[in-house]
Amino acid sequence: MHLKKLALIVEYDGTRFHGFQLQARGNTVQEELEQAIEAFTGEDLRVTAASRTDAGVHALGQVVSFRTRVPYSPETFVSALNHHLPEDIAVHGAWEIPAWFNVRTKAVSRCYEYWMRLNPARSALLRYRALDVTSPLELEGMSEAASMLVGEHDFASFVGSLVPKQASTRRELSRAEFRRRDDLLIFDVEGDSFLHQQVRRMAGALLEVGRGRLTVAEFGRFLSEPSRGTAGPTLPPQALYLKAVRYDSPPLGGSDQETTEKK
């Protein structure tokens, strides 16, 4: 039977999951996906993700891949997997891709969003979707500081404790900016890859600028004089979203993966 490789575009609410990646304790998105695939195909297999999200983090456009021997079309996989998956995980597209294509290593950038809700009254509906910020913010300073993140830098100041000491902390960001959507202030960031807690620590330090607890110049020193783990605070995970994964030569329907966003 012919062995083929499929890629899926997956959306999930990370609230009840201990992250994407399979682990000994705690329910994960990977576990749910693999169980749904086995329920449909009878195959016990592993999926590969383009980005490993932490506990509580959501995804609008995660990309995963796996090999299968069943003859069903990608469209059939979408409807069948959505039948077997829990309500907080949904497949939005499936494509057959070349056997050599690795959705993780071939990704040229990942796009993340961090949602801050600027409203003195708490929200019942967004309590697991956005960070409530009740104090006024100096948005001009936050935007100026965010622009400093663009380019290649040593982001050691923004790394979490799980990053190995010997690991490189240099990364390149192509976008770091804020945009408003009603009462949401969204930190929109794109980079080749991200270190553990990097986005949440960058957002935390930018929030400190907005609150007047950190100057733009002090924020800049996190980059010019990097010192491991000194920037922050690390904001909660429930307001972080993996928005999209991009590829130079996208195999996913022949178009830039970001077109699959709701994303």
C-alpha atoms as a PDB file:
ATOM      1  CA  MET A   1       0.000   0.000   0.000  1.00  0.00           C
ATOM      2  CA  HIS A   2       1.339   3.447  -0.973  1.00  0.00           C
ATOM      3  CA  LEU A   3       2.899   5.466   1.879  1.00  0.00           C
ATOM      4  CA  LYS A   4       2.063   9.169   1.652  1.00  0.00           C
ATOM      5  CA  LYS A   5       2.732  12.202   3.811  1.00  0.00           C
ATOM      6  CA  LEU A   6       0.014  14.633   4.845  1.00  0.00           C
ATOM      7  CA  ALA A   7       0.166  18.071   6.422  1.00  0.00           C
ATOM      8  CA  LEU A   8      -2.692  19.474   8.494  1.00  0.00           C
ATOM      9  CA  ILE A   9      -3.577  23.021   9.506  1.00  0.00           C
ATOM     10  CA  VAL A  10      -4.798  22.752  13.100  1.00  0.00           C
ATOM     11  CA  GLU A  11      -6.549  25.214  15.391  1.00  0.00           C
ATOM     12  CA  TYR A  12      -6.836  24.568  19.120  1.00  0.00           C
ATOM     13  CA  ASP A  13      -7.829  26.109  22.410  1.00  0.00           C
ATOM     14  CA  GLY A  14      -4.873  25.345  24.669  1.00  0.00           C
ATOM     15  CA  THR A  15      -6.715  25.957  27.947  1.00  0.00           C
ATOM     16  CA  ARG A  16      -6.972  22.358  29.147  1.00  0.00           C
ATOM     17  CA  PHE A  17      -3.795  21.037  27.516  1.00  0.00           C
ATOM     18  CA  HIS A  18      -0.302  20.651  28.945  1.00  0.00           C
ATOM     19  CA  GLY A  19       1.129  21.992  25.696  1.00  0.00           C
ATOM     20  CA  PHE A  20       1.326  20.472  22.244  1.00  0.00           C
ATOM     21  CA  GLN A  21       4.054  17.889  22.708  1.00  0.00           C
ATOM     22  CA  LEU A  22       3.364  14.377  23.998  1.00  0.00           C
ATOM     23  CA  GLN A  23       4.416  13.836  27.623  1.00  0.00           C
ATOM     24  CA  ALA A  24       4.093  11.213  30.315  1.00  0.00           C
ATOM     25  CA  ARG A  25       1.662  13.211  32.438  1.00  0.00           C
ATOM     26  CA  GLY A  26      -1.071  15.551  31.326  1.00  0.00           C
ATOM     27  CA  ASN A  27      -3.250  15.685  28.238  1.00  0.00           C
ATOM     28  CA  THR A  28      -1.633  17.190  25.122  1.00  0.00           C
ATOM     29  CA  VAL A  29      -2.756  18.291  21.676  1.00  0.00           C
ATOM     30  CA  GLN A  30      -0.404  15.776  20.054  1.00  0.00           C
ATOM     31  CA  GLU A  31      -1.985  12.925  22.005  1.00  0.00           C
ATOM     32  CA  GLU A  32      -5.486  13.938  20.909  1.00  0.00           C
ATOM     33  CA  LEU A  33      -4.434  14.229  17.256  1.00  0.00           C
ATOM     34  CA  GLU A  34      -2.724  10.840  17.258  1.00  0.00           C
ATOM     35  CA  GLN A  35      -5.715   9.191  18.916  1.00  0.00           C
ATOM     36  CA  ALA A  36      -8.061  10.712  16.315  1.00  0.00           C
ATOM     37  CA  ILE A  37      -5.846   9.514  13.451  1.00  0.00           C
ATOM     38  CA  GLU A  38      -5.733   6.008  14.927  1.00  0.00           C
ATOM     39  CA  ALA A  39      -9.517   5.973  15.408  1.00  0.00           C
ATOM     40  CA  PHE A  40      -9.953   6.838  11.719  1.00  0.00           C
ATOM     41  CA  THR A  41      -7.129   4.860  10.076  1.00  0.00           C
ATOM     42  CA  GLY A  42      -6.235   2.168  12.587  1.00  0.00           C
ATOM     43  CA  GLU A  43      -2.630   3.365  12.418  1.00  0.00           C
ATOM     44  CA  ASP A  44      -0.559   3.967  15.569  1.00  0.00           C
ATOM     45  CA  LEU A  45       1.751   6.799  14.513  1.00  0.00           C
ATOM     46  CA  ARG A  46       3.466  10.025  15.546  1.00  0.00           C
ATOM     47  CA  VAL A  47       2.766  13.505  14.218  1.00  0.00           C
ATOM     48  CA  THR A  48       5.393  16.216  13.772  1.00  0.00           C
ATOM     49  CA  ALA A  49       4.542  19.829  14.591  1.00  0.00           C
ATOM     50  CA  ALA A  50       6.021  22.979  13.103  1.00  0.00           C
ATOM     51  CA  SER A  51       6.051  24.655  16.528  1.00  0.00           C
ATOM     52  CA  ARG A  52       5.703  23.240  20.041  1.00  0.00           C
ATOM     53  CA  THR A  53       3.353  25.413  22.058  1.00  0.00           C
ATOM     54  CA  ASP A  54       3.474  25.469  25.870  1.00  0.00           C
ATOM     55  CA  ALA A  55       0.698  24.628  28.316  1.00  0.00           C
ATOM     56  CA  GLY A  56      -2.279  26.959  27.922  1.00  0.00           C
ATOM     57  CA  VAL A  57      -1.120  28.469  24.606  1.00  0.00           C
ATOM     58  CA  HIS A  58      -3.606  28.506  21.714  1.00  0.00           C
ATOM     59  CA  ALA A  59      -3.080  28.012  17.977  1.00  0.00           C
ATOM     60  CA  LEU A  60      -4.877  29.495  15.005  1.00  0.00           C
ATOM     61  CA  GLY A  61      -2.590  27.901  12.421  1.00  0.00           C
ATOM     62  CA  GLN A  62      -0.418  25.101  13.759  1.00  0.00           C
ATOM     63  CA  VAL A  63       1.028  22.822  11.045  1.00  0.00           C
ATOM     64  CA  VAL A  64       1.504  19.106  11.673  1.00  0.00           C
ATOM     65  CA  SER A  65       2.469  16.221   9.415  1.00  0.00           C
ATOM     66  CA  PHE A  66       2.392  12.439   9.459  1.00  0.00           C
ATOM     67  CA  ARG A  67       2.797   9.439   7.144  1.00  0.00           C
ATOM     68  CA  THR A  68      -0.111   7.167   6.362  1.00  0.00           C
ATOM     69  CA  ARG A  69      -0.882   4.143   4.194  1.00  0.00           C
ATOM     70  CA  VAL A  70      -4.648   4.623   3.945  1.00  0.00           C
ATOM     71  CA  PRO A  71      -5.946   5.704   0.512  1.00  0.00           C
ATOM     72  CA  TYR A  72      -8.340   8.438   1.678  1.00  0.00           C
ATOM     73  CA  SER A  73      -8.178  11.946   0.229  1.00  0.00           C
ATOM     74  CA  PRO A  74      -6.965  14.931   2.276  1.00  0.00           C
ATOM     75  CA  GLU A  75     -10.525  16.273   2.287  1.00  0.00           C
ATOM     76  CA  THR A  76     -11.743  13.015   3.824  1.00  0.00           C
ATOM     77  CA  PHE A  77      -9.090  13.318   6.531  1.00  0.00           C
ATOM     78  CA  VAL A  78     -10.368  16.787   7.461  1.00  0.00           C
ATOM     79  CA  SER A  79     -13.956  15.680   8.010  1.00  0.00           C
ATOM     80  CA  ALA A  80     -13.013  12.355   9.639  1.00  0.00           C
ATOM     81  CA  LEU A  81     -10.501  13.824  12.082  1.00  0.00           C
ATOM     82  CA  ASN A  82     -12.872  16.604  13.076  1.00  0.00           C
ATOM     83  CA  HIS A  83     -15.423  13.900  13.848  1.00  0.00           C
ATOM     84  CA  HIS A  84     -13.006  12.133  16.205  1.00  0.00           C
ATOM     85  CA  LEU A  85     -11.340  15.193  17.759  1.00  0.00           C
ATOM     86  CA  PRO A  86     -12.636  16.984  20.878  1.00  0.00           C
ATOM     87  CA  GLU A  87     -14.383  20.319  20.415  1.00  0.00           C
ATOM     88  CA  ASP A  88     -11.307  22.348  21.402  1.00  0.00           C
ATOM     89  CA  ILE A  89      -9.222  21.029  18.467  1.00  0.00           C
ATOM     90  CA  ALA A  90     -10.179  21.482  14.805  1.00  0.00           C
ATOM     91  CA  VAL A  91      -8.496  20.641  11.497  1.00  0.00           C
ATOM     92  CA  HIS A  92      -8.958  23.381   8.892  1.00  0.00           C
ATOM     93  CA  GLY A  93      -7.088  21.890   5.967  1.00  0.00           C
ATOM     94  CA  ALA A  94      -5.077  18.907   4.779  1.00  0.00           C
ATOM     95  CA  TRP A  95      -2.648  18.468   1.893  1.00  0.00           C
ATOM     96  CA  GLU A  96      -0.405  15.742   0.573  1.00  0.00           C
ATOM     97  CA  ILE A  97       3.223  16.924   0.733  1.00  0.00           C
ATOM     98  CA  PRO A  98       6.537  15.495  -0.525  1.00  0.00           C
ATOM     99  CA  ALA A  99       8.052  12.787   1.662  1.00  0.00           C
ATOM    100  CA  TRP A 100      11.190  14.888   2.163  1.00  0.00           C
ATOM    101  CA  PHE A 101       9.317  17.980   3.393  1.00  0.00           C
ATOM    102  CA  ASN A 102       9.765  18.556   7.135  1.00  0.00           C
ATOM    103  CA  VAL A 103       7.137  20.991   8.422  1.00  0.00           C
ATOM    104  CA  ARG A 104       9.390  22.006  11.318  1.00  0.00           C
ATOM    105  CA  THR A 105      12.783  22.517   9.690  1.00  0.00           C
ATOM    106  CA  LYS A 106      11.418  23.916   6.410  1.00  0.00           C
ATOM    107  CA  ALA A 107       9.452  26.667   8.155  1.00  0.00           C
ATOM    108  CA  VAL A 108      11.034  30.065   7.517  1.00  0.00           C
ATOM    109  CA  SER A 109       9.054  31.904  10.188  1.00  0.00           C
ATOM    110  CA  ARG A 110       6.460  31.570  12.914  1.00  0.00           C
ATOM    111  CA  CYS A 111       3.912  34.260  13.686  1.00  0.00           C
ATOM    112  CA  TYR A 112       2.595  34.787  17.222  1.00  0.00           C
ATOM    113  CA  GLU A 113       0.109  37.148  18.814  1.00  0.00           C
ATOM    114  CA  TYR A 114      -0.250  38.154  22.449  1.00  0.00           C
ATOM    115  CA  TRP A 115      -3.635  39.673  23.375  1.00  0.00           C
ATOM    116  CA  MET A 116      -3.959  42.370  26.032  1.00  0.00           C
ATOM    117  CA  ARG A 117      -7.459  43.572  26.875  1.00  0.00           C
ATOM    118  CA  LEU A 118      -7.530  47.262  27.776  1.00  0.00           C
ATOM    119  CA  ASN A 119     -10.631  47.536  29.910  1.00  0.00           C
ATOM    120  CA  PRO A 120     -11.067  48.190  33.651  1.00  0.00           C
ATOM    121  CA  ALA A 121     -13.926  45.671  33.810  1.00  0.00           C
ATOM    122  CA  ARG A 122     -12.995  42.009  33.595  1.00  0.00           C
ATOM    123  CA  SER A 123     -14.365  39.839  30.799  1.00  0.00           C
ATOM    124  CA  ALA A 124     -16.098  36.531  31.454  1.00  0.00           C
ATOM    125  CA  LEU A 125     -15.744  35.347  27.838  1.00  0.00           C
ATOM    126  CA  LEU A 126     -12.090  36.330  27.359  1.00  0.00           C
ATOM    127  CA  ARG A 127     -10.737  35.167  30.719  1.00  0.00           C
ATOM    128  CA  TYR A 128      -8.824  32.340  28.980  1.00  0.00           C
ATOM    129  CA  ARG A 129      -8.164  34.318  25.801  1.00  0.00           C
ATOM    130  CA  ALA A 130      -6.590  37.639  26.778  1.00  0.00           C
ATOM    131  CA  LEU A 131      -4.704  39.351  29.596  1.00  0.00           C
ATOM    132  CA  ASP A 132      -6.796  41.979  31.382  1.00  0.00           C
ATOM    133  CA  VAL A 133      -4.889  45.252  31.716  1.00  0.00           C
ATOM    134  CA  THR A 134      -6.802  47.726  33.873  1.00  0.00           C
ATOM    135  CA  SER A 135      -4.287  50.599  34.100  1.00  0.00           C
ATOM    136  CA  PRO A 136      -3.649  53.171  31.327  1.00  0.00           C
ATOM    137  CA  LEU A 137      -0.718  52.410  29.013  1.00  0.00           C
ATOM    138  CA  GLU A 138       1.755  54.641  27.202  1.00  0.00           C
ATOM    139  CA  LEU A 139       1.301  53.038  23.800  1.00  0.00           C
ATOM    140  CA  GLU A 140       3.794  55.196  21.906  1.00  0.00           C
ATOM    141  CA  GLY A 141       6.635  54.032  24.135  1.00  0.00           C
ATOM    142  CA  MET A 142       5.535  50.413  23.805  1.00  0.00           C
ATOM    143  CA  SER A 143       5.576  50.667  20.007  1.00  0.00           C
ATOM    144  CA  GLU A 144       8.999  52.336  20.025  1.00  0.00           C
ATOM    145  CA  ALA A 145      10.418  49.603  22.252  1.00  0.00           C
ATOM    146  CA  ALA A 146       8.813  46.854  20.143  1.00  0.00           C
ATOM    147  CA  SER A 147      10.499  48.191  17.008  1.00  0.00           C
ATOM    148  CA  MET A 148      13.890  47.565  18.652  1.00  0.00           C
ATOM    149  CA  LEU A 149      13.195  43.829  18.560  1.00  0.00           C
ATOM    150  CA  VAL A 150      13.208  43.686  14.760  1.00  0.00           C
ATOM    151  CA  GLY A 151      16.387  42.261  13.248  1.00  0.00           C
ATOM    152  CA  GLU A 152      18.926  39.741  14.478  1.00  0.00           C
ATOM    153  CA  HIS A 153      19.741  39.972  18.180  1.00  0.00           C
ATOM    154  CA  ASP A 154      20.886  37.964  21.145  1.00  0.00           C
ATOM    155  CA  PHE A 155      17.593  37.414  22.987  1.00  0.00           C
ATOM    156  CA  ALA A 156      19.207  35.845  26.076  1.00  0.00           C
ATOM    157  CA  SER A 157      17.475  38.372  28.348  1.00  0.00           C
ATOM    158  CA  PHE A 158      14.098  37.014  27.239  1.00  0.00           C
ATOM    159  CA  VAL A 159      14.697  33.258  27.586  1.00  0.00           C
ATOM    160  CA  GLY A 160      13.089  30.909  30.083  1.00  0.00           C
ATOM    161  CA  SER A 161      14.794  28.448  32.372  1.00  0.00           C
ATOM    162  CA  LEU A 162      14.297  25.484  30.021  1.00  0.00           C
ATOM    163  CA  VAL A 163      16.700  26.866  27.407  1.00  0.00           C
ATOM    164  CA  PRO A 164      19.998  24.922  27.773  1.00  0.00           C
ATOM    165  CA  LYS A 165      22.995  27.024  28.800  1.00  0.00           C
ATOM    166  CA  GLN A 166      24.932  25.980  25.690  1.00  0.00           C
ATOM    167  CA  ALA A 167      22.092  26.781  23.271  1.00  0.00           C
ATOM    168  CA  SER A 168      22.367  29.786  20.975  1.00  0.00           C
ATOM    169  CA  THR A 169      20.027  32.604  21.943  1.00  0.00           C
ATOM    170  CA  ARG A 170      20.431  34.552  18.702  1.00  0.00           C
ATOM    171  CA  ARG A 171      17.251  34.853  16.679  1.00  0.00           C
ATOM    172  CA  GLU A 172      15.955  37.117  13.916  1.00  0.00           C
ATOM    173  CA  LEU A 173      12.583  38.875  14.057  1.00  0.00           C
ATOM    174  CA  SER A 174      11.021  40.335  10.929  1.00  0.00           C
ATOM    175  CA  ARG A 175       8.055  41.964  12.681  1.00  0.00           C
ATOM    176  CA  ALA A 176       7.282  43.216  16.192  1.00  0.00           C
ATOM    177  CA  GLU A 177       4.426  45.686  16.459  1.00  0.00           C
ATOM    178  CA  PHE A 178       1.174  46.505  18.196  1.00  0.00           C
ATOM    179  CA  ARG A 179      -2.277  46.848  16.665  1.00  0.00           C
ATOM    180  CA  ARG A 180      -5.699  47.615  18.133  1.00  0.00           C
ATOM    181  CA  ARG A 181      -8.882  45.619  17.637  1.00  0.00           C
ATOM    182  CA  ASP A 182     -11.693  47.146  19.658  1.00  0.00           C
ATOM    183  CA  ASP A 183     -10.443  46.978  23.264  1.00  0.00           C
ATOM    184  CA  LEU A 184      -7.705  44.450  22.440  1.00  0.00           C
ATOM    185  CA  LEU A 185      -4.095  45.530  22.116  1.00  0.00           C
ATOM    186  CA  ILE A 186      -2.373  42.792  20.113  1.00  0.00           C
ATOM    187  CA  PHE A 187       1.385  42.290  20.132  1.00  0.00           C
ATOM    188  CA  ASP A 188       2.126  40.841  16.686  1.00  0.00           C
ATOM    189  CA  VAL A 189       5.545  39.217  16.266  1.00  0.00           C
ATOM    190  CA  GLU A 190       7.165  37.120  13.544  1.00  0.00           C
ATOM    191  CA  GLY A 191      10.555  35.426  13.609  1.00  0.00           C
ATOM    192  CA  ASP A 192      12.529  32.516  12.240  1.00  0.00           C
ATOM    193  CA  SER A 193      12.003  30.664  15.529  1.00  0.00           C
ATOM    194  CA  PHE A 194      11.469  31.471  19.193  1.00  0.00           C
ATOM    195  CA  LEU A 195      13.063  30.419  22.461  1.00  0.00           C
ATOM    196  CA  HIS A 196      11.192  29.082  25.475  1.00  0.00           C
ATOM    197  CA  GLN A 197       9.024  31.887  26.952  1.00  0.00           C
ATOM    198  CA  GLN A 198      10.577  34.457  24.595  1.00  0.00           C
ATOM    199  CA  VAL A 199       7.316  35.936  23.306  1.00  0.00           C
ATOM    200  CA  ARG A 200       5.694  36.094  26.745  1.00  0.00           C
ATOM    201  CA  ARG A 201       8.796  37.738  28.252  1.00  0.00           C
ATOM    202  CA  MET A 202       9.039  40.262  25.406  1.00  0.00           C
ATOM    203  CA  ALA A 203       5.356  41.096  25.860  1.00  0.00           C
ATOM    204  CA  GLY A 204       5.879  41.377  29.625  1.00  0.00           C
ATOM    205  CA  ALA A 205       8.783  43.804  29.276  1.00  0.00           C
ATOM    206  CA  LEU A 206       6.837  45.879  26.742  1.00  0.00           C
ATOM    207  CA  LEU A 207       3.912  46.020  29.158  1.00  0.00           C
ATOM    208  CA  GLU A 208       6.319  47.342  31.816  1.00  0.00           C
ATOM    209  CA  VAL A 209       7.269  50.123  29.373  1.00  0.00           C
ATOM    210  CA  GLY A 210       3.599  50.921  28.863  1.00  0.00           C
ATOM    211  CA  ARG A 211       3.036  51.099  32.623  1.00  0.00           C
ATOM    212  CA  GLY A 212       5.984  53.458  33.068  1.00  0.00           C
ATOM    213  CA  ARG A 213       7.999  50.979  35.125  1.00  0.00           C
ATOM    214  CA  LEU A 214      10.654  50.618  32.427  1.00  0.00           C
ATOM    215  CA  THR A 215      12.010  53.237  30.040  1.00  0.00           C
ATOM    216  CA  VAL A 216      12.510  52.605  26.341  1.00  0.00           C
ATOM    217  CA  ALA A 217      16.267  52.976  26.880  1.00  0.00           C
ATOM    218  CA  GLU A 218      16.209  50.381  29.668  1.00  0.00           C
ATOM    219  CA  PHE A 219      14.265  48.038  27.422  1.00  0.00           C
ATOM    220  CA  GLY A 220      16.907  48.497  24.724  1.00  0.00           C
ATOM    221  CA  ARG A 221      19.618  47.332  27.108  1.00  0.00           C
ATOM    222  CA  PHE A 222      18.007  43.902  27.264  1.00  0.00           C
ATOM    223  CA  LEU A 223      19.200  43.601  23.675  1.00  0.00           C
ATOM    224  CA  SER A 224      22.446  45.575  23.741  1.00  0.00           C
ATOM    225  CA  GLU A 225      23.615  44.039  27.030  1.00  0.00           C
ATOM    226  CA  PRO A 226      21.899  40.621  27.075  1.00  0.00           C
ATOM    227  CA  SER A 227      21.821  38.787  30.388  1.00  0.00           C
ATOM    228  CA  ARG A 228      20.036  35.476  30.540  1.00  0.00           C
ATOM    229  CA  GLY A 229      16.479  35.589  31.873  1.00  0.00           C
ATOM    230  CA  THR A 230      16.518  39.178  33.154  1.00  0.00           C
ATOM    231  CA  ALA A 231      13.641  40.564  31.043  1.00  0.00           C
ATOM    232  CA  GLY A 232      10.006  40.130  31.826  1.00  0.00           C
ATOM    233  CA  PRO A 233       7.791  39.458  33.634  1.00  0.00           C
ATOM    234  CA  THR A 234       6.699  36.254  31.891  1.00  0.00           C
ATOM    235  CA  LEU A 235       3.062  36.913  31.038  1.00  0.00           C
ATOM    236  CA  PRO A 236       0.414  34.165  31.385  1.00  0.00           C
ATOM    237  CA  PRO A 237       0.107  31.680  28.500  1.00  0.00           C
ATOM    238  CA  GLN A 238      -3.643  31.943  27.918  1.00  0.00           C
ATOM    239  CA  ALA A 239      -3.291  35.151  25.881  1.00  0.00           C
ATOM    240  CA  LEU A 240      -0.664  33.755  23.481  1.00  0.00           C
ATOM    241  CA  TYR A 241      -1.557  32.421  20.028  1.00  0.00           C
ATOM    242  CA  LEU A 242       0.474  30.652  17.355  1.00  0.00           C
ATOM    243  CA  LYS A 243      -1.020  32.549  14.457  1.00  0.00           C
ATOM    244  CA  ALA A 244       0.713  31.033  11.422  1.00  0.00           C
ATOM    245  CA  VAL A 245       3.707  29.136  10.096  1.00  0.00           C
ATOM    246  CA  ARG A 246       5.274  30.310   6.846  1.00  0.00           C
ATOM    247  CA  TYR A 247       7.306  28.506   4.198  1.00  0.00           C
ATOM    248  CA  ASP A 248       9.423  29.720   1.263  1.00  0.00           C
ATOM    249  CA  SER A 249       7.928  27.129  -1.071  1.00  0.00           C
ATOM    250  CA  PRO A 250       4.658  26.340   0.636  1.00  0.00           C
ATOM    251  CA  PRO A 251       3.377  22.834  -0.090  1.00  0.00           C
ATOM    252  CA  LEU A 252       0.062  23.585   1.577  1.00  0.00           C
ATOM    253  CA  GLY A 253      -2.291  24.133  -1.303  1.00  0.00           C
ATOM    254  CA  GLY A 254       0.361  26.156  -3.163  1.00  0.00           C
ATOM    255  CA  SER A 255      -0.112  29.386  -1.214  1.00  0.00           C
ATOM    256  CA  ASP A 256       1.406  31.153   1.766  1.00  0.00           C
ATOM    257  CA  GLN A 257       0.324  29.336   4.922  1.00  0.00           C
ATOM    258  CA  GLU A 258      -0.894  32.622   6.427  1.00  0.00           C
ATOM    259  CA  THR A 259      -3.781  32.600   3.966  1.00  0.00           C
ATOM    260  CA  THR A 260      -5.169  29.699   6.022  1.00  0.00           C
ATOM    261  CA  GLU A 261      -5.454  31.902   9.119  1.00  0.00           C
ATOM    262  CA  LYS A 262      -8.508  33.132  10.603  1.00  0.00           C
ATOM    263  CA  LYS A 263      -5.200  33.650  11.044  1.00  0.00           C
END
